[in-house]
N, C-alpha and C. Protein backbone atom coordinates (compact mmCIF):
# COMPACT_ATOMS: atom_id res chain seq x y z
N MET A 1 159.75 55.93 5.42
CA MET A 1 160.51 55.79 6.59
C MET A 1 161.78 55.19 6.30
N GLN A 2 162.91 55.64 6.73
CA GLN A 2 164.35 55.34 6.47
C GLN A 2 165.30 55.63 7.67
N THR A 3 166.49 55.24 7.47
CA THR A 3 167.67 55.84 8.17
C THR A 3 168.58 56.58 7.21
N SER A 4 169.50 57.21 7.91
CA SER A 4 170.48 57.69 7.19
C SER A 4 171.95 57.50 7.77
N PRO A 5 172.70 56.89 7.21
CA PRO A 5 172.68 56.21 5.69
C PRO A 5 171.59 55.24 5.68
N LEU A 6 171.11 55.02 4.47
CA LEU A 6 170.05 54.00 4.20
C LEU A 6 170.57 52.47 4.83
N TYR A 7 169.52 51.91 5.35
CA TYR A 7 169.85 50.47 5.82
C TYR A 7 170.70 50.30 6.90
N SER A 8 170.97 51.32 7.78
CA SER A 8 171.87 51.33 8.87
C SER A 8 170.88 51.48 10.13
N THR A 9 171.75 51.23 11.24
CA THR A 9 171.15 51.64 12.51
C THR A 9 171.05 53.10 12.69
N GLY A 10 170.04 53.59 13.54
CA GLY A 10 170.06 55.19 13.72
C GLY A 10 168.75 55.64 13.74
N ALA A 11 168.49 56.88 13.87
CA ALA A 11 167.24 57.47 14.03
C ALA A 11 166.26 57.20 12.83
N ALA A 12 165.06 56.92 13.23
CA ALA A 12 163.97 56.79 12.20
C ALA A 12 163.74 58.12 11.56
N LEU A 13 163.69 58.16 10.29
CA LEU A 13 163.56 59.46 9.60
C LEU A 13 162.26 59.19 8.53
N LEU A 14 161.63 60.30 8.30
CA LEU A 14 160.53 60.30 7.33
C LEU A 14 161.18 61.13 6.26
N GLY A 15 161.73 60.40 5.34
CA GLY A 15 162.45 61.12 4.12
C GLY A 15 161.75 60.95 2.88
N ASP A 16 162.53 61.07 1.75
CA ASP A 16 161.91 61.20 0.51
C ASP A 16 161.42 59.79 0.09
N TYR A 17 160.20 59.70 -0.45
CA TYR A 17 159.56 58.54 -0.92
C TYR A 17 160.44 57.73 -1.82
N THR A 18 161.48 58.20 -2.46
CA THR A 18 162.17 57.46 -3.47
C THR A 18 163.24 56.62 -2.77
N THR A 19 163.54 56.90 -1.58
CA THR A 19 164.49 56.16 -0.75
C THR A 19 164.02 55.49 0.35
N ALA A 20 162.48 55.36 0.48
CA ALA A 20 161.87 54.89 1.79
C ALA A 20 162.17 53.40 1.71
N GLY A 21 162.32 52.85 3.00
CA GLY A 21 162.40 51.44 3.27
C GLY A 21 161.08 50.68 3.15
N GLN A 22 161.22 49.30 3.08
CA GLN A 22 160.02 48.39 3.06
C GLN A 22 160.04 47.76 4.53
N PHE A 23 158.89 47.91 5.11
CA PHE A 23 158.67 47.44 6.62
C PHE A 23 157.52 46.53 6.56
N GLN A 24 157.57 45.89 7.65
CA GLN A 24 156.32 44.87 7.98
C GLN A 24 156.29 44.82 9.54
N VAL A 25 155.05 44.49 10.09
CA VAL A 25 154.94 44.19 11.58
C VAL A 25 154.97 42.80 11.69
N VAL A 26 155.90 42.27 12.46
CA VAL A 26 155.96 40.91 12.80
C VAL A 26 155.95 40.72 14.33
N ASP A 27 154.95 40.03 14.74
CA ASP A 27 154.80 39.69 16.30
C ASP A 27 155.08 41.07 17.05
N GLY A 28 154.43 42.09 16.61
CA GLY A 28 154.46 43.47 17.26
C GLY A 28 155.71 44.13 17.07
N GLN A 29 156.69 43.65 16.23
CA GLN A 29 157.90 44.36 15.86
C GLN A 29 157.75 44.95 14.57
N LEU A 30 158.32 46.23 14.46
CA LEU A 30 158.41 46.95 13.23
C LEU A 30 159.63 46.55 12.61
N VAL A 31 159.74 45.67 11.54
CA VAL A 31 161.00 45.15 10.90
C VAL A 31 161.27 45.56 9.60
N GLN A 32 162.44 45.84 9.27
CA GLN A 32 162.90 46.09 7.81
C GLN A 32 164.02 45.21 7.42
N LEU A 33 163.82 44.53 6.32
CA LEU A 33 164.83 43.50 5.70
C LEU A 33 165.85 44.39 5.01
N VAL A 34 167.12 44.28 5.48
CA VAL A 34 168.19 45.22 4.72
C VAL A 34 169.19 44.34 4.12
N SER A 35 169.18 43.12 4.06
CA SER A 35 170.09 42.29 3.25
C SER A 35 169.67 42.14 1.82
N ALA A 36 170.66 42.07 0.93
CA ALA A 36 170.43 41.84 -0.42
C ALA A 36 169.81 40.39 -0.81
N PRO A 37 169.18 40.21 -1.94
CA PRO A 37 168.93 38.94 -2.34
C PRO A 37 170.05 37.88 -2.17
N GLY A 38 169.89 36.72 -1.61
CA GLY A 38 171.04 35.76 -1.65
C GLY A 38 172.04 35.84 -0.63
N GLU A 39 171.90 37.02 0.18
CA GLU A 39 172.96 37.12 1.37
C GLU A 39 172.09 36.67 2.62
N PRO A 40 172.66 36.38 3.68
CA PRO A 40 172.07 35.92 5.01
C PRO A 40 171.16 37.05 5.39
N VAL A 41 170.15 36.77 5.98
CA VAL A 41 169.05 37.70 6.44
C VAL A 41 169.65 38.53 7.48
N LYS A 42 169.42 39.93 7.16
CA LYS A 42 169.74 40.88 8.19
C LYS A 42 168.55 41.83 8.31
N LEU A 43 168.16 41.97 9.59
CA LEU A 43 166.92 42.82 9.82
C LEU A 43 167.32 43.99 10.75
N LEU A 44 166.58 45.09 10.66
CA LEU A 44 166.48 46.13 11.50
C LEU A 44 165.17 46.29 12.19
N TYR A 45 165.04 46.63 13.42
CA TYR A 45 163.91 46.67 14.19
C TYR A 45 163.62 48.07 14.62
N GLY A 46 162.40 48.61 14.60
CA GLY A 46 161.94 49.91 15.07
C GLY A 46 162.02 49.84 16.59
N VAL A 47 162.73 50.63 17.27
CA VAL A 47 163.03 50.63 18.62
C VAL A 47 162.43 51.92 19.46
N VAL A 48 161.53 51.83 20.36
CA VAL A 48 160.98 53.13 20.88
C VAL A 48 161.77 53.36 22.16
N SER A 49 162.06 54.56 22.39
CA SER A 49 162.65 54.99 23.63
C SER A 49 161.69 55.23 24.77
N GLU A 50 162.04 54.76 25.90
CA GLU A 50 161.00 55.16 27.17
C GLU A 50 161.22 56.50 27.57
N THR A 51 162.26 57.19 27.27
CA THR A 51 162.42 58.57 27.61
C THR A 51 161.58 59.53 26.88
N ARG A 52 160.96 60.25 27.52
CA ARG A 52 160.06 61.31 26.93
C ARG A 52 160.96 62.54 26.37
N TYR A 53 160.60 63.05 25.14
CA TYR A 53 161.23 64.22 24.52
C TYR A 53 160.23 65.18 24.18
N ILE A 54 160.74 66.38 23.61
CA ILE A 54 159.89 67.32 23.09
C ILE A 54 158.76 67.60 23.85
N ASN A 55 158.68 68.55 24.72
CA ASN A 55 157.52 69.01 25.58
C ASN A 55 157.14 67.79 26.53
N ASP A 56 157.98 66.77 26.61
CA ASP A 56 157.53 65.61 27.42
C ASP A 56 156.25 64.94 26.82
N ASN A 57 156.14 65.07 25.56
CA ASN A 57 154.99 64.42 24.90
C ASN A 57 155.28 63.68 23.72
N SER A 58 156.43 63.12 23.76
CA SER A 58 156.94 62.28 22.47
C SER A 58 157.99 61.28 22.86
N LEU A 59 158.19 60.26 22.06
CA LEU A 59 159.07 59.26 22.14
C LEU A 59 159.83 59.16 21.11
N SER A 60 161.27 58.99 21.07
CA SER A 60 162.06 58.73 19.78
C SER A 60 161.81 57.28 19.18
N VAL A 61 162.12 57.22 18.00
CA VAL A 61 162.13 55.97 17.34
C VAL A 61 163.46 55.75 16.60
N THR A 62 164.10 54.73 16.81
CA THR A 62 165.51 54.40 16.25
C THR A 62 165.28 53.12 15.48
N PHE A 63 166.31 52.58 14.71
CA PHE A 63 166.35 51.23 14.15
C PHE A 63 167.65 50.67 14.63
N SER A 64 167.45 49.55 15.12
CA SER A 64 168.50 48.68 15.80
C SER A 64 168.47 47.28 15.20
N THR A 65 169.68 46.62 15.60
CA THR A 65 169.68 45.13 15.18
C THR A 65 169.16 44.29 16.29
N SER A 66 168.76 45.02 17.40
CA SER A 66 167.94 44.25 18.54
C SER A 66 166.60 44.66 18.57
N LYS A 67 165.84 43.69 19.00
CA LYS A 67 164.22 43.82 18.91
C LYS A 67 163.78 44.92 19.97
N ASN A 68 162.71 45.66 19.66
CA ASN A 68 162.04 46.53 20.41
C ASN A 68 161.57 45.78 21.74
N THR A 69 161.72 46.52 22.93
CA THR A 69 161.21 45.93 24.25
C THR A 69 160.24 46.78 24.82
N TYR A 70 159.70 47.90 24.17
CA TYR A 70 158.95 48.86 24.90
C TYR A 70 157.74 49.18 23.82
N GLY A 71 156.78 48.47 24.14
CA GLY A 71 155.46 48.59 23.42
C GLY A 71 155.35 47.66 22.14
N THR A 72 154.23 47.85 21.50
CA THR A 72 153.99 46.97 20.34
C THR A 72 153.42 47.83 19.13
N PHE A 73 154.03 47.59 17.94
CA PHE A 73 153.73 48.07 16.73
C PHE A 73 152.44 47.28 16.10
N ALA A 74 151.77 47.78 15.37
CA ALA A 74 150.38 46.96 14.85
C ALA A 74 149.95 47.97 13.64
N TRP A 75 149.18 47.26 12.75
CA TRP A 75 148.52 47.96 11.67
C TRP A 75 147.06 48.08 12.16
N GLN A 76 146.55 49.33 12.11
CA GLN A 76 144.97 49.49 12.48
C GLN A 76 144.49 50.19 11.24
N GLY A 77 143.73 49.20 10.27
CA GLY A 77 143.38 49.58 9.01
C GLY A 77 144.78 49.58 8.20
N ASP A 78 145.10 50.85 7.59
CA ASP A 78 146.24 50.91 6.86
C ASP A 78 147.13 51.82 7.65
N GLY A 79 146.88 52.24 8.81
CA GLY A 79 147.68 53.09 9.69
C GLY A 79 148.62 52.30 10.66
N LEU A 80 149.87 52.81 10.71
CA LEU A 80 150.97 52.23 11.72
C LEU A 80 150.59 52.81 13.08
N THR A 81 150.40 51.87 13.98
CA THR A 81 150.20 52.35 15.41
C THR A 81 151.15 51.79 16.18
N TRP A 82 151.25 52.40 17.44
CA TRP A 82 152.31 51.93 18.57
C TRP A 82 151.41 52.04 19.88
N THR A 83 151.47 51.08 20.67
CA THR A 83 150.86 51.14 22.08
C THR A 83 151.72 50.36 22.99
N VAL A 84 151.49 50.88 24.26
CA VAL A 84 152.14 50.14 25.45
C VAL A 84 151.25 50.19 26.67
N ALA A 85 151.35 49.25 27.43
CA ALA A 85 150.50 49.30 28.78
C ALA A 85 151.01 50.52 29.60
N GLY A 86 150.03 51.16 30.24
CA GLY A 86 150.50 52.21 31.14
C GLY A 86 150.72 53.62 30.38
N VAL A 87 150.56 53.69 29.18
CA VAL A 87 150.50 54.97 28.37
C VAL A 87 149.24 55.11 27.53
N SER A 88 148.55 56.03 28.10
CA SER A 88 147.27 56.25 27.18
C SER A 88 147.52 57.18 26.25
N ARG A 89 147.22 56.96 24.87
CA ARG A 89 147.35 57.84 23.79
C ARG A 89 145.97 58.10 23.27
N PRO A 90 145.70 59.41 22.93
CA PRO A 90 144.41 59.75 22.38
C PRO A 90 144.42 59.25 20.86
N ASN A 91 145.44 59.15 20.20
CA ASN A 91 145.47 58.56 18.85
C ASN A 91 146.68 57.77 18.63
N ALA A 92 146.54 56.39 18.62
CA ALA A 92 147.73 55.46 18.59
C ALA A 92 148.40 55.56 17.23
N SER A 93 147.97 56.30 16.38
CA SER A 93 148.36 56.49 14.78
C SER A 93 149.08 57.84 14.71
N ALA A 94 149.21 58.54 15.83
CA ALA A 94 149.91 59.82 15.78
C ALA A 94 151.38 59.90 15.88
N TRP A 95 152.04 60.54 15.00
CA TRP A 95 153.41 60.71 15.03
C TRP A 95 153.97 62.18 14.73
N TYR A 96 155.04 62.50 15.18
CA TYR A 96 155.63 63.78 14.98
C TYR A 96 156.90 63.52 13.90
N VAL A 97 157.09 64.44 13.04
CA VAL A 97 158.30 64.43 12.30
C VAL A 97 158.89 65.91 12.38
N CYS A 98 160.08 65.86 13.12
CA CYS A 98 160.64 67.13 13.69
C CYS A 98 162.12 67.42 12.90
N THR A 99 162.82 68.28 13.50
CA THR A 99 163.90 68.75 12.97
C THR A 99 164.78 67.64 12.37
N GLY A 100 165.28 67.76 11.10
CA GLY A 100 166.08 66.74 10.51
C GLY A 100 165.29 65.46 9.99
N GLN A 101 164.03 65.63 10.05
CA GLN A 101 162.94 64.67 9.54
C GLN A 101 162.92 63.33 10.47
N GLN A 102 163.42 63.67 11.72
CA GLN A 102 163.41 62.61 12.70
C GLN A 102 161.84 62.31 13.22
N LEU A 103 161.67 60.94 13.34
CA LEU A 103 160.42 60.48 13.65
C LEU A 103 160.24 60.26 15.04
N TYR A 104 159.06 60.73 15.70
CA TYR A 104 158.69 60.61 17.10
C TYR A 104 157.32 60.01 17.21
N ILE A 105 157.08 59.25 18.27
CA ILE A 105 155.63 58.87 18.59
C ILE A 105 154.99 59.99 19.35
N ASN A 106 153.92 60.55 19.03
CA ASN A 106 153.28 61.58 19.57
C ASN A 106 152.23 61.05 20.60
N LEU A 107 152.45 61.47 21.83
CA LEU A 107 151.73 60.97 23.03
C LEU A 107 150.47 61.82 23.18
N GLY A 108 150.43 62.90 22.51
CA GLY A 108 149.21 63.73 22.66
C GLY A 108 148.29 63.65 21.45
N ASN A 109 147.35 64.63 21.37
CA ASN A 109 146.33 64.74 20.44
C ASN A 109 146.94 65.19 19.04
N TYR A 110 146.54 64.45 18.05
CA TYR A 110 146.80 64.80 16.62
C TYR A 110 146.47 66.27 16.19
N LEU A 111 147.29 67.02 15.67
CA LEU A 111 146.98 68.38 15.35
C LEU A 111 146.61 69.35 16.37
N TYR A 112 147.08 69.10 17.61
CA TYR A 112 146.87 69.92 18.62
C TYR A 112 148.08 70.29 19.47
N GLN A 113 148.44 71.53 19.55
CA GLN A 113 149.69 71.89 20.36
C GLN A 113 150.86 71.35 19.75
N THR A 114 151.04 71.21 18.48
CA THR A 114 152.10 70.62 17.78
C THR A 114 153.41 71.44 18.15
N PRO A 115 154.46 70.84 18.69
CA PRO A 115 155.63 71.61 19.05
C PRO A 115 156.28 72.21 17.84
N ALA A 116 156.94 73.52 18.05
CA ALA A 116 157.63 74.09 17.13
C ALA A 116 158.67 73.38 16.45
N GLY A 117 158.89 73.28 15.11
CA GLY A 117 159.94 72.54 14.57
C GLY A 117 159.42 71.14 14.25
N CYS A 118 158.07 70.82 14.49
CA CYS A 118 157.62 69.58 14.16
C CYS A 118 156.31 69.62 13.40
N ALA A 119 155.89 68.43 12.79
CA ALA A 119 154.73 68.30 11.95
C ALA A 119 154.05 67.16 12.36
N ASP A 120 152.59 67.11 12.47
CA ASP A 120 151.93 66.04 12.82
C ASP A 120 151.72 65.07 11.52
N GLN A 121 151.87 63.74 11.74
CA GLN A 121 151.95 62.84 10.55
C GLN A 121 151.26 61.48 10.98
N THR A 122 150.84 60.83 9.99
CA THR A 122 150.54 59.46 10.28
C THR A 122 151.29 58.64 9.18
N ILE A 123 151.37 57.39 9.50
CA ILE A 123 152.32 56.46 8.49
C ILE A 123 151.28 55.35 8.12
N HIS A 124 151.21 55.17 6.85
CA HIS A 124 150.37 54.39 6.24
C HIS A 124 151.01 53.24 5.45
N TYR A 125 150.18 52.03 5.34
CA TYR A 125 150.66 51.04 4.54
C TYR A 125 150.51 51.32 3.12
N TYR A 126 151.48 50.97 2.21
CA TYR A 126 151.57 51.32 0.82
C TYR A 126 151.72 49.83 0.25
N ASN A 127 150.93 49.44 -0.73
CA ASN A 127 151.00 48.09 -1.24
C ASN A 127 151.24 48.33 -2.82
N ASP A 128 152.51 48.61 -3.22
CA ASP A 128 152.84 48.73 -4.66
C ASP A 128 154.31 48.30 -4.59
N LYS A 129 154.84 48.09 -5.88
CA LYS A 129 156.15 47.74 -5.88
C LYS A 129 157.14 48.97 -5.87
N THR A 130 156.72 50.00 -6.20
CA THR A 130 157.34 51.39 -6.08
C THR A 130 156.37 52.38 -5.64
N ALA A 131 157.02 53.25 -4.79
CA ALA A 131 156.37 54.48 -4.09
C ALA A 131 156.12 55.47 -5.16
N ASN A 132 155.08 56.34 -4.92
CA ASN A 132 155.07 57.55 -5.79
C ASN A 132 154.49 58.62 -4.96
N ASN A 133 154.59 59.78 -5.10
CA ASN A 133 154.01 60.89 -4.32
C ASN A 133 152.71 61.35 -4.82
């Protein structure tokens, strides 16, 4: 997961593993540390839009310097989930990656009626100092 340009605000992208960011979930927030060592702490937060997109069955995810106010991120096993009161999701770990590698929360069933131009994905915890494919 990352933004373009890297370490900036903007759409959440599922890009090349060699440029992936490092994230953690803190108090329900998806957080990326983007400051260099020794600099003041600068964080980006995963923010979920309340507006529905793509067949009225997905929510966009962006990164911002402001905290997310819609829903809660969490780890379920090694999978990244998102939930919010009032929205029932068949799979809290279901995501879409669509045109331009943009990441969306899939509100429907995983691998069922996937919209054209999108692919079903799950996002998993990776515990190593460098990623590999």
